[in-house]
Amino acid sequence: MKARIPPRNQMSNQSLKAVDQYIQEESHSLTRRLFKLVVVALNELYGFGAKRNLELSQHVGNLIIEHQDYEKMEQSKRR
């Protein structure tokens, strides 16, 4: 059986929030898994140790936060 999500204009606010929250959680989970794989690959291929991987993780985290703020600003311009 295939799940069908009705168009946004036919969904209640509560349903919209639930769908958005689910998408955010899945996105976060996928991002964490991919980042862990990148860290392992950097260690195996180039010998990155814990210190370098921690610095990389912090830097990428900061870039993500900056990008989210930029995306929110861009979305508000479109509305």
PDB file of N, CA and C in Angstrom:
ATOM      1  N   MET A   1       0.842  -1.180   0.000  1.00  0.00           N
ATOM      2  CA  MET A   1       0.000   0.000   0.000  1.00  0.00           C
ATOM      3  C   MET A   1       0.885   1.241   0.000  1.00  0.00           C
ATOM      4  N   LYS A   2       0.551   2.180  -0.841  1.00  0.00           N
ATOM      5  CA  LYS A   2       1.332   3.404  -0.938  1.00  0.00           C
ATOM      6  C   LYS A   2       0.684   4.494  -0.090  1.00  0.00           C
ATOM      7  N   ALA A   3       1.530   5.227   0.625  1.00  0.00           N
ATOM      8  CA  ALA A   3       1.032   6.349   1.411  1.00  0.00           C
ATOM      9  C   ALA A   3       0.803   7.527   0.487  1.00  0.00           C
ATOM     10  N   ARG A   4      -0.262   8.226   0.721  1.00  0.00           N
ATOM     11  CA  ARG A   4      -0.573   9.400  -0.083  1.00  0.00           C
ATOM     12  C   ARG A   4      -0.699  10.592   0.849  1.00  0.00           C
ATOM     13  N   ILE A   5       0.052  11.629   0.556  1.00  0.00           N
ATOM     14  CA  ILE A   5      -0.033  12.855   1.342  1.00  0.00           C
ATOM     15  C   ILE A   5      -0.775  13.873   0.495  1.00  0.00           C
ATOM     16  N   PRO A   6      -1.907  14.376   0.992  1.00  0.00           N
ATOM     17  CA  PRO A   6      -2.672  15.349   0.214  1.00  0.00           C
ATOM     18  C   PRO A   6      -1.899  16.655   0.038  1.00  0.00           C
ATOM     19  N   PRO A   7      -2.281  17.462  -0.940  1.00  0.00           N
ATOM     20  CA  PRO A   7      -1.617  18.753  -1.143  1.00  0.00           C
ATOM     21  C   PRO A   7      -1.652  19.607   0.122  1.00  0.00           C
ATOM     22  N   ARG A   8      -0.649  20.466   0.261  1.00  0.00           N
ATOM     23  CA  ARG A   8      -0.514  21.265   1.488  1.00  0.00           C
ATOM     24  C   ARG A   8      -1.769  22.085   1.801  1.00  0.00           C
ATOM     25  N   ASN A   9      -2.449  22.567   0.769  1.00  0.00           N
ATOM     26  CA  ASN A   9      -3.613  23.412   1.041  1.00  0.00           C
ATOM     27  C   ASN A   9      -4.809  22.608   1.572  1.00  0.00           C
ATOM     28  N   GLN A  10      -4.748  21.286   1.510  1.00  0.00           N
ATOM     29  CA  GLN A  10      -5.827  20.448   2.025  1.00  0.00           C
ATOM     30  C   GLN A  10      -5.504  19.849   3.387  1.00  0.00           C
ATOM     31  N   MET A  11      -4.331  20.164   3.932  1.00  0.00           N
ATOM     32  CA  MET A  11      -3.910  19.592   5.207  1.00  0.00           C
ATOM     33  C   MET A  11      -4.129  20.593   6.332  1.00  0.00           C
ATOM     34  N   SER A  12      -4.463  20.065   7.514  1.00  0.00           N
ATOM     35  CA  SER A  12      -4.619  20.932   8.682  1.00  0.00           C
ATOM     36  C   SER A  12      -3.241  21.389   9.160  1.00  0.00           C
ATOM     37  N   ASN A  13      -3.225  22.441   9.966  1.00  0.00           N
ATOM     38  CA  ASN A  13      -1.960  22.954  10.502  1.00  0.00           C
ATOM     39  C   ASN A  13      -1.237  21.886  11.317  1.00  0.00           C
ATOM     40  N   GLN A  14      -2.000  21.114  12.078  1.00  0.00           N
ATOM     41  CA  GLN A  14      -1.399  20.062  12.895  1.00  0.00           C
ATOM     42  C   GLN A  14      -0.729  19.006  12.005  1.00  0.00           C
ATOM     43  N   SER A  15      -1.387  18.646  10.925  1.00  0.00           N
ATOM     44  CA  SER A  15      -0.816  17.674   9.997  1.00  0.00           C
ATOM     45  C   SER A  15       0.427  18.232   9.318  1.00  0.00           C
ATOM     46  N   LEU A  16       0.371  19.492   8.921  1.00  0.00           N
ATOM     47  CA  LEU A  16       1.537  20.126   8.293  1.00  0.00           C
ATOM     48  C   LEU A  16       2.742  20.124   9.233  1.00  0.00           C
ATOM     49  N   LYS A  17       2.484  20.454  10.505  1.00  0.00           N
ATOM     50  CA  LYS A  17       3.568  20.461  11.483  1.00  0.00           C
ATOM     51  C   LYS A  17       4.143  19.062  11.673  1.00  0.00           C
ATOM     52  N   ALA A  18       3.276  18.059  11.711  1.00  0.00           N
ATOM     53  CA  ALA A  18       3.733  16.677  11.891  1.00  0.00           C
ATOM     54  C   ALA A  18       4.582  16.232  10.706  1.00  0.00           C
ATOM     55  N   VAL A  19       4.154  16.560   9.500  1.00  0.00           N
ATOM     56  CA  VAL A  19       4.917  16.196   8.303  1.00  0.00           C
ATOM     57  C   VAL A  19       6.253  16.927   8.297  1.00  0.00           C
ATOM     58  N   ASP A  20       6.250  18.215   8.584  1.00  0.00           N
ATOM     59  CA  ASP A  20       7.494  18.985   8.618  1.00  0.00           C
ATOM     60  C   ASP A  20       8.460  18.445   9.674  1.00  0.00           C
ATOM     61  N   GLN A  21       7.933  18.092  10.846  1.00  0.00           N
ATOM     62  CA  GLN A  21       8.774  17.558  11.910  1.00  0.00           C
ATOM     63  C   GLN A  21       9.384  16.218  11.491  1.00  0.00           C
ATOM     64  N   TYR A  22       8.582  15.369  10.870  1.00  0.00           N
ATOM     65  CA  TYR A  22       9.078  14.078  10.399  1.00  0.00           C
ATOM     66  C   TYR A  22      10.194  14.267   9.367  1.00  0.00           C
ATOM     67  N   ILE A  23       9.987  15.177   8.446  1.00  0.00           N
ATOM     68  CA  ILE A  23      10.988  15.441   7.409  1.00  0.00           C
ATOM     69  C   ILE A  23      12.281  15.959   8.043  1.00  0.00           C
ATOM     70  N   GLN A  24      12.172  16.851   9.019  1.00  0.00           N
ATOM     71  CA  GLN A  24      13.357  17.384   9.692  1.00  0.00           C
ATOM     72  C   GLN A  24      14.107  16.287  10.436  1.00  0.00           C
ATOM     73  N   GLU A  25      13.376  15.406  11.125  1.00  0.00           N
ATOM     74  CA  GLU A  25      14.015  14.325  11.870  1.00  0.00           C
ATOM     75  C   GLU A  25      14.733  13.361  10.931  1.00  0.00           C
ATOM     76  N   GLU A  26      14.084  13.004   9.833  1.00  0.00           N
ATOM     77  CA  GLU A  26      14.700  12.097   8.870  1.00  0.00           C
ATOM     78  C   GLU A  26      15.917  12.739   8.214  1.00  0.00           C
ATOM     79  N   SER A  27      15.815  14.017   7.896  1.00  0.00           N
ATOM     80  CA  SER A  27      16.930  14.739   7.300  1.00  0.00           C
ATOM     81  C   SER A  27      18.120  14.784   8.256  1.00  0.00           C
ATOM     82  N   HIS A  28      17.836  15.058   9.517  1.00  0.00           N
ATOM     83  CA  HIS A  28      18.887  15.116  10.542  1.00  0.00           C
ATOM     84  C   HIS A  28      19.562  13.755  10.685  1.00  0.00           C
ATOM     85  N   SER A  29      18.764  12.702  10.716  1.00  0.00           N
ATOM     86  CA  SER A  29      19.296  11.355  10.861  1.00  0.00           C
ATOM     87  C   SER A  29      20.178  10.980   9.673  1.00  0.00           C
ATOM     88  N   LEU A  30      19.717  11.276   8.483  1.00  0.00           N
ATOM     89  CA  LEU A  30      20.484  10.967   7.280  1.00  0.00           C
ATOM     90  C   LEU A  30      21.781  11.773   7.237  1.00  0.00           C
ATOM     91  N   THR A  31      21.709  13.027   7.619  1.00  0.00           N
ATOM     92  CA  THR A  31      22.899  13.881   7.634  1.00  0.00           C
ATOM     93  C   THR A  31      23.945  13.335   8.602  1.00  0.00           C
ATOM     94  N   ARG A  32      23.503  12.914   9.788  1.00  0.00           N
ATOM     95  CA  ARG A  32      24.429  12.349  10.779  1.00  0.00           C
ATOM     96  C   ARG A  32      25.094  11.083  10.252  1.00  0.00           C
ATOM     97  N   ARG A  33      24.303  10.207   9.621  1.00  0.00           N
ATOM     98  CA  ARG A  33      24.862   8.967   9.085  1.00  0.00           C
ATOM     99  C   ARG A  33      25.888   9.252   7.994  1.00  0.00           C
ATOM    100  N   LEU A  34      25.554  10.160   7.094  1.00  0.00           N
ATOM    101  CA  LEU A  34      26.483  10.496   6.019  1.00  0.00           C
ATOM    102  C   LEU A  34      27.761  11.125   6.561  1.00  0.00           C
ATOM    103  N   PHE A  35      27.610  11.994   7.550  1.00  0.00           N
ATOM    104  CA  PHE A  35      28.788  12.648   8.109  1.00  0.00           C
ATOM    105  C   PHE A  35      29.689  11.638   8.804  1.00  0.00           C
ATOM    106  N   LYS A  36      29.102  10.675   9.501  1.00  0.00           N
ATOM    107  CA  LYS A  36      29.908   9.632  10.141  1.00  0.00           C
ATOM    108  C   LYS A  36      30.705   8.858   9.105  1.00  0.00           C
ATOM    109  N   LEU A  37      30.073   8.576   7.960  1.00  0.00           N
ATOM    110  CA  LEU A  37      30.778   7.866   6.893  1.00  0.00           C
ATOM    111  C   LEU A  37      31.928   8.703   6.335  1.00  0.00           C
ATOM    112  N   VAL A  38      31.728  10.002   6.209  1.00  0.00           N
ATOM    113  CA  VAL A  38      32.789  10.890   5.724  1.00  0.00           C
ATOM    114  C   VAL A  38      33.963  10.878   6.702  1.00  0.00           C
ATOM    115  N   VAL A  39      33.675  10.924   7.985  1.00  0.00           N
ATOM    116  CA  VAL A  39      34.731  10.924   8.999  1.00  0.00           C
ATOM    117  C   VAL A  39      35.528   9.615   8.938  1.00  0.00           C
ATOM    118  N   VAL A  40      34.837   8.500   8.809  1.00  0.00           N
ATOM    119  CA  VAL A  40      35.526   7.210   8.712  1.00  0.00           C
ATOM    120  C   VAL A  40      36.387   7.166   7.454  1.00  0.00           C
ATOM    121  N   ALA A  41      35.846   7.646   6.336  1.00  0.00           N
ATOM    122  CA  ALA A  41      36.610   7.646   5.082  1.00  0.00           C
ATOM    123  C   ALA A  41      37.849   8.530   5.193  1.00  0.00           C
ATOM    124  N   LEU A  42      37.717   9.692   5.806  1.00  0.00           N
ATOM    125  CA  LEU A  42      38.880  10.572   5.986  1.00  0.00           C
ATOM    126  C   LEU A  42      39.943   9.905   6.852  1.00  0.00           C
ATOM    127  N   ASN A  43      39.506   9.167   7.853  1.00  0.00           N
ATOM    128  CA  ASN A  43      40.455   8.457   8.701  1.00  0.00           C
ATOM    129  C   ASN A  43      41.159   7.352   7.928  1.00  0.00           C
ATOM    130  N   GLU A  44      40.386   6.565   7.189  1.00  0.00           N
ATOM    131  CA  GLU A  44      40.969   5.431   6.473  1.00  0.00           C
ATOM    132  C   GLU A  44      41.851   5.875   5.299  1.00  0.00           C
ATOM    133  N   LEU A  45      41.414   6.873   4.557  1.00  0.00           N
ATOM    134  CA  LEU A  45      42.147   7.280   3.362  1.00  0.00           C
ATOM    135  C   LEU A  45      43.318   8.218   3.645  1.00  0.00           C
ATOM    136  N   TYR A  46      43.113   9.150   4.580  1.00  0.00           N
ATOM    137  CA  TYR A  46      44.113  10.197   4.774  1.00  0.00           C
ATOM    138  C   TYR A  46      44.668  10.272   6.194  1.00  0.00           C
ATOM    139  N   GLY A  47      44.251   9.359   7.042  1.00  0.00           N
ATOM    140  CA  GLY A  47      44.798   9.316   8.395  1.00  0.00           C
ATOM    141  C   GLY A  47      44.325  10.426   9.315  1.00  0.00           C
ATOM    142  N   PHE A  48      43.188  11.025   9.018  1.00  0.00           N
ATOM    143  CA  PHE A  48      42.659  12.049   9.921  1.00  0.00           C
ATOM    144  C   PHE A  48      42.402  11.405  11.276  1.00  0.00           C
ATOM    145  N   GLY A  49      42.919  12.032  12.320  1.00  0.00           N
ATOM    146  CA  GLY A  49      42.703  11.529  13.669  1.00  0.00           C
ATOM    147  C   GLY A  49      41.509  12.209  14.318  1.00  0.00           C
ATOM    148  N   ALA A  50      41.348  11.934  15.596  1.00  0.00           N
ATOM    149  CA  ALA A  50      40.206  12.455  16.344  1.00  0.00           C
ATOM    150  C   ALA A  50      40.184  13.984  16.363  1.00  0.00           C
ATOM    151  N   LYS A  51      41.363  14.608  16.529  1.00  0.00           N
ATOM    152  CA  LYS A  51      41.419  16.075  16.617  1.00  0.00           C
ATOM    153  C   LYS A  51      40.977  16.717  15.305  1.00  0.00           C
ATOM    154  N   ARG A  52      41.511  16.229  14.187  1.00  0.00           N
ATOM    155  CA  ARG A  52      41.144  16.805  12.883  1.00  0.00           C
ATOM    156  C   ARG A  52      39.669  16.568  12.575  1.00  0.00           C
ATOM    157  N   ASN A  53      39.184  15.374  12.884  1.00  0.00           N
ATOM    158  CA  ASN A  53      37.774  15.081  12.621  1.00  0.00           C
ATOM    159  C   ASN A  53      36.857  15.924  13.502  1.00  0.00           C
ATOM    160  N   LEU A  54      37.258  16.182  14.736  1.00  0.00           N
ATOM    161  CA  LEU A  54      36.467  17.043  15.615  1.00  0.00           C
ATOM    162  C   LEU A  54      36.430  18.470  15.065  1.00  0.00           C
ATOM    163  N   GLU A  55      37.580  18.979  14.618  1.00  0.00           N
ATOM    164  CA  GLU A  55      37.623  20.321  14.033  1.00  0.00           C
ATOM    165  C   GLU A  55      36.745  20.398  12.788  1.00  0.00           C
ATOM    166  N   LEU A  56      36.822  19.367  11.957  1.00  0.00           N
ATOM    167  CA  LEU A  56      35.985  19.308  10.761  1.00  0.00           C
ATOM    168  C   LEU A  56      34.507  19.304  11.134  1.00  0.00           C
ATOM    169  N   SER A  57      34.155  18.488  12.118  1.00  0.00           N
ATOM    170  CA  SER A  57      32.767  18.388  12.562  1.00  0.00           C
ATOM    171  C   SER A  57      32.242  19.734  13.058  1.00  0.00           C
ATOM    172  N   GLN A  58      33.043  20.416  13.850  1.00  0.00           N
ATOM    173  CA  GLN A  58      32.631  21.722  14.371  1.00  0.00           C
ATOM    174  C   GLN A  58      32.481  22.740  13.252  1.00  0.00           C
ATOM    175  N   HIS A  59      33.415  22.733  12.322  1.00  0.00           N
ATOM    176  CA  HIS A  59      33.360  23.693  11.216  1.00  0.00           C
ATOM    177  C   HIS A  59      32.134  23.439  10.340  1.00  0.00           C
ATOM    178  N   VAL A  60      31.879  22.185  10.015  1.00  0.00           N
ATOM    179  CA  VAL A  60      30.706  21.844   9.199  1.00  0.00           C
ATOM    180  C   VAL A  60      29.430  22.209   9.951  1.00  0.00           C
ATOM    181  N   GLY A  61      29.384  21.950  11.246  1.00  0.00           N
ATOM    182  CA  GLY A  61      28.215  22.328  12.051  1.00  0.00           C
ATOM    183  C   GLY A  61      27.944  23.820  11.992  1.00  0.00           C
ATOM    184  N   ASN A  62      29.011  24.608  12.082  1.00  0.00           N
ATOM    185  CA  ASN A  62      28.857  26.066  11.987  1.00  0.00           C
ATOM    186  C   ASN A  62      28.356  26.483  10.611  1.00  0.00           C
ATOM    187  N   LEU A  63      28.876  25.845   9.569  1.00  0.00           N
ATOM    188  CA  LEU A  63      28.419  26.160   8.212  1.00  0.00           C
ATOM    189  C   LEU A  63      26.943  25.805   8.029  1.00  0.00           C
ATOM    190  N   ILE A  64      26.528  24.689   8.609  1.00  0.00           N
ATOM    191  CA  ILE A  64      25.122  24.284   8.512  1.00  0.00           C
ATOM    192  C   ILE A  64      24.229  25.326   9.178  1.00  0.00           C
ATOM    193  N   ILE A  65      24.622  25.776  10.353  1.00  0.00           N
ATOM    194  CA  ILE A  65      23.828  26.788  11.065  1.00  0.00           C
ATOM    195  C   ILE A  65      23.747  28.070  10.245  1.00  0.00           C
ATOM    196  N   GLU A  66      24.864  28.505   9.690  1.00  0.00           N
ATOM    197  CA  GLU A  66      24.862  29.708   8.859  1.00  0.00           C
ATOM    198  C   GLU A  66      23.972  29.529   7.636  1.00  0.00           C
ATOM    199  N   HIS A  67      24.039  28.362   7.028  1.00  0.00           N
ATOM    200  CA  HIS A  67      23.253  28.088   5.836  1.00  0.00           C
ATOM    201  C   HIS A  67      21.756  28.059   6.157  1.00  0.00           C
ATOM    202  N   GLN A  68      21.400  27.490   7.312  1.00  0.00           N
ATOM    203  CA  GLN A  68      19.991  27.456   7.701  1.00  0.00           C
ATOM    204  C   GLN A  68      19.449  28.859   7.866  1.00  0.00           C
ATOM    205  N   ASP A  69      20.226  29.727   8.480  1.00  0.00           N
ATOM    206  CA  ASP A  69      19.790  31.111   8.653  1.00  0.00           C
ATOM    207  C   ASP A  69      19.595  31.776   7.294  1.00  0.00           C
ATOM    208  N   TYR A  70      20.507  31.504   6.367  1.00  0.00           N
ATOM    209  CA  TYR A  70      20.406  32.067   5.023  1.00  0.00           C
ATOM    210  C   TYR A  70      19.163  31.529   4.313  1.00  0.00           C
ATOM    211  N   GLU A  71      18.909  30.220   4.455  1.00  0.00           N
ATOM    212  CA  GLU A  71      17.738  29.611   3.818  1.00  0.00           C
ATOM    213  C   GLU A  71      16.442  30.212   4.376  1.00  0.00           C
ATOM    214  N   LYS A  72      16.374  30.398   5.668  1.00  0.00           N
ATOM    215  CA  LYS A  72      15.182  30.978   6.280  1.00  0.00           C
ATOM    216  C   LYS A  72      14.944  32.385   5.738  1.00  0.00           C
ATOM    217  N   MET A  73      16.020  33.146   5.582  1.00  0.00           N
ATOM    218  CA  MET A  73      15.911  34.501   5.058  1.00  0.00           C
ATOM    219  C   MET A  73      15.415  34.464   3.612  1.00  0.00           C
ATOM    220  N   GLU A  74      15.944  33.542   2.814  1.00  0.00           N
ATOM    221  CA  GLU A  74      15.522  33.412   1.418  1.00  0.00           C
ATOM    222  C   GLU A  74      14.067  32.986   1.318  1.00  0.00           C
ATOM    223  N   GLN A  75      13.621  32.081   2.180  1.00  0.00           N
ATOM    224  CA  GLN A  75      12.230  31.630   2.154  1.00  0.00           C
ATOM    225  C   GLN A  75      11.276  32.750   2.530  1.00  0.00           C
ATOM    226  N   SER A  76      11.677  33.574   3.489  1.00  0.00           N
ATOM    227  CA  SER A  76      10.811  34.676   3.885  1.00  0.00           C
ATOM    228  C   SER A  76      10.686  35.717   2.767  1.00  0.00           C
ATOM    229  N   LYS A  77      11.722  35.864   1.945  1.00  0.00           N
ATOM    230  CA  LYS A  77      11.676  36.789   0.806  1.00  0.00           C
ATOM    231  C   LYS A  77      10.684  36.324  -0.248  1.00  0.00           C
ATOM    232  N   ARG A  78      10.594  34.988  -0.417  1.00  0.00           N
ATOM    233  CA  ARG A  78       9.712  34.429  -1.449  1.00  0.00           C
ATOM    234  C   ARG A  78       8.235  34.555  -1.079  1.00  0.00           C
ATOM    235  N   ARG A  79       7.952  34.628   0.187  1.00  0.00           N
ATOM    236  CA  ARG A  79       6.539  34.669   0.631  1.00  0.00           C
ATOM    237  C   ARG A  79       5.964  36.021   0.555  1.00  0.00           C
TER     238      ARG A  79
END
